[in-house]
Protein backbone atom coordinates (compact mmCIF):
# COMPACT_ATOMS: atom_id res chain seq x y z
CA UNK A 1 27.80 67.73 48.28
CA UNK A 2 24.33 69.26 48.49
CA UNK A 3 21.55 67.61 46.56
CA UNK A 4 20.25 69.55 43.59
CA UNK A 5 16.84 68.96 42.00
CA UNK A 6 17.08 68.45 38.26
CA UNK A 7 14.34 68.89 35.70
CA UNK A 8 14.19 65.44 34.15
CA UNK A 9 12.05 66.75 31.24
CA UNK A 10 14.91 69.19 30.35
CA UNK A 11 17.38 66.34 30.47
CA UNK A 12 15.20 64.05 28.42
CA UNK A 13 14.50 66.78 25.84
CA UNK A 14 18.08 66.78 24.71
CA UNK A 15 17.97 63.17 23.49
CA UNK A 16 14.22 62.59 23.35
CA UNK A 17 14.47 59.69 25.71
CA UNK A 18 15.08 59.81 29.45
CA UNK A 19 16.67 56.35 29.48
CA UNK A 20 19.12 57.20 26.79
CA UNK A 21 20.03 60.34 28.71
CA UNK A 22 20.66 58.25 31.90
CA UNK A 23 22.80 55.85 29.90
CA UNK A 24 24.82 58.77 28.43
CA UNK A 25 25.28 60.38 31.85
CA UNK A 26 26.25 57.11 33.54
CA UNK A 27 28.91 56.30 30.87
CA UNK A 28 30.38 59.74 31.17
CA UNK A 29 30.35 59.64 34.97
CA UNK A 30 32.22 56.26 34.80
CA UNK A 31 34.79 57.83 32.54
CA UNK A 32 35.29 60.79 34.86
CA UNK A 33 35.52 58.55 37.94
CA UNK A 34 38.16 56.35 36.19
CA UNK A 35 40.16 59.42 35.25
CA UNK A 36 39.96 60.85 38.84
CA UNK A 37 40.98 57.46 40.29
CA UNK A 38 43.99 57.30 38.02
CA UNK A 39 45.03 60.82 38.94
CA UNK A 40 44.79 60.00 42.64
CA UNK A 41 46.66 56.74 42.21
CA UNK A 42 49.43 58.60 40.40
CA UNK A 43 49.82 61.16 43.10
CA UNK A 44 49.69 58.58 45.92
CA UNK A 45 52.07 56.17 44.21
CA UNK A 46 54.85 58.51 45.27
CA UNK A 47 54.28 57.33 48.91
CA UNK A 48 54.49 53.62 48.12
CA UNK A 49 57.67 51.90 49.10
CA UNK A 50 59.04 54.79 51.23
CA UNK A 51 59.67 52.31 54.11
CA UNK A 52 61.00 54.01 57.26
CA UNK A 53 60.82 57.40 55.78
CA UNK A 54 56.97 57.12 55.66
CA UNK A 55 56.92 57.67 59.38
CA UNK A 56 57.95 61.21 58.72
CA UNK A 57 54.94 63.50 59.59
CA UNK A 58 55.57 65.61 56.52
CA UNK A 59 54.89 62.71 54.19
CA UNK A 60 51.76 61.70 56.13
CA UNK A 61 50.49 65.25 56.05
CA UNK A 62 51.11 65.46 52.26
CA UNK A 63 49.27 62.22 51.67
CA UNK A 64 46.36 63.43 53.82
CA UNK A 65 46.25 66.69 51.93
CA UNK A 66 46.06 64.93 48.61
CA UNK A 67 43.29 62.65 49.78
CA UNK A 68 41.22 65.48 51.19
CA UNK A 69 41.70 67.42 47.95
CA UNK A 70 40.06 64.58 46.01
CA UNK A 71 37.30 64.10 48.65
CA UNK A 72 36.30 67.74 48.18
CA UNK A 73 36.02 67.51 44.41
CA UNK A 74 32.56 67.31 42.92
CA UNK A 75 31.21 63.79 42.34
CA UNK A 76 31.57 62.40 38.81
CA UNK A 77 27.89 62.29 38.32
CA UNK A 78 27.65 65.97 39.15
CA UNK A 79 30.31 66.77 36.57
CA UNK A 80 28.61 64.58 33.95
CA UNK A 81 25.26 66.24 34.47
CA UNK A 82 26.82 69.81 34.14
CA UNK A 83 28.71 68.84 31.02
CA UNK A 84 25.48 67.41 29.53
CA UNK A 85 23.47 70.51 30.36
CA UNK A 86 26.24 72.71 28.82
CA UNK A 87 26.34 70.55 25.66
CA UNK A 88 29.92 69.47 26.34
CA UNK A 89 29.22 65.76 25.83
CA UNK A 90 29.29 64.28 22.38
CA UNK A 91 26.83 61.43 21.77
CA UNK A 92 25.23 59.98 18.73
CA UNK A 93 22.12 57.91 18.12
CA UNK A 94 23.25 54.69 16.37
CA UNK A 95 19.71 53.75 15.46
CA UNK A 96 19.32 56.98 13.45
CA UNK A 97 22.57 56.37 11.72
CA UNK A 98 21.44 52.94 10.63
CA UNK A 99 18.20 54.40 9.31
CA UNK A 100 20.06 57.01 7.28
CA UNK A 101 22.33 54.39 5.89
CA UNK A 102 19.29 52.22 4.80
CA UNK A 103 17.66 55.24 3.17
CA UNK A 104 20.79 55.95 1.16
CA UNK A 105 20.83 52.38 -0.24
């Protein structure tokens, strides 16, 4: 995938803190990566235990096609950044919630 320059000030403006933004993006990227890995494992699990049938070129070609399909998908970090920029990620500031609770007491 091609590298794309991001405006870190625009990213930080959404949370008010660049480090918080990075933490949010890294957690979301890990979630996406885990989900993608599970999907790939589910699709490739079909080929496990095929034994002598696995030598069939059609099975090898199908497994290769599935692997290439996942290699061509965008990286989890790219997806997380796009979701963040489009306000599709829900996050909350726990420190603000504690402050609001203390004010109500």
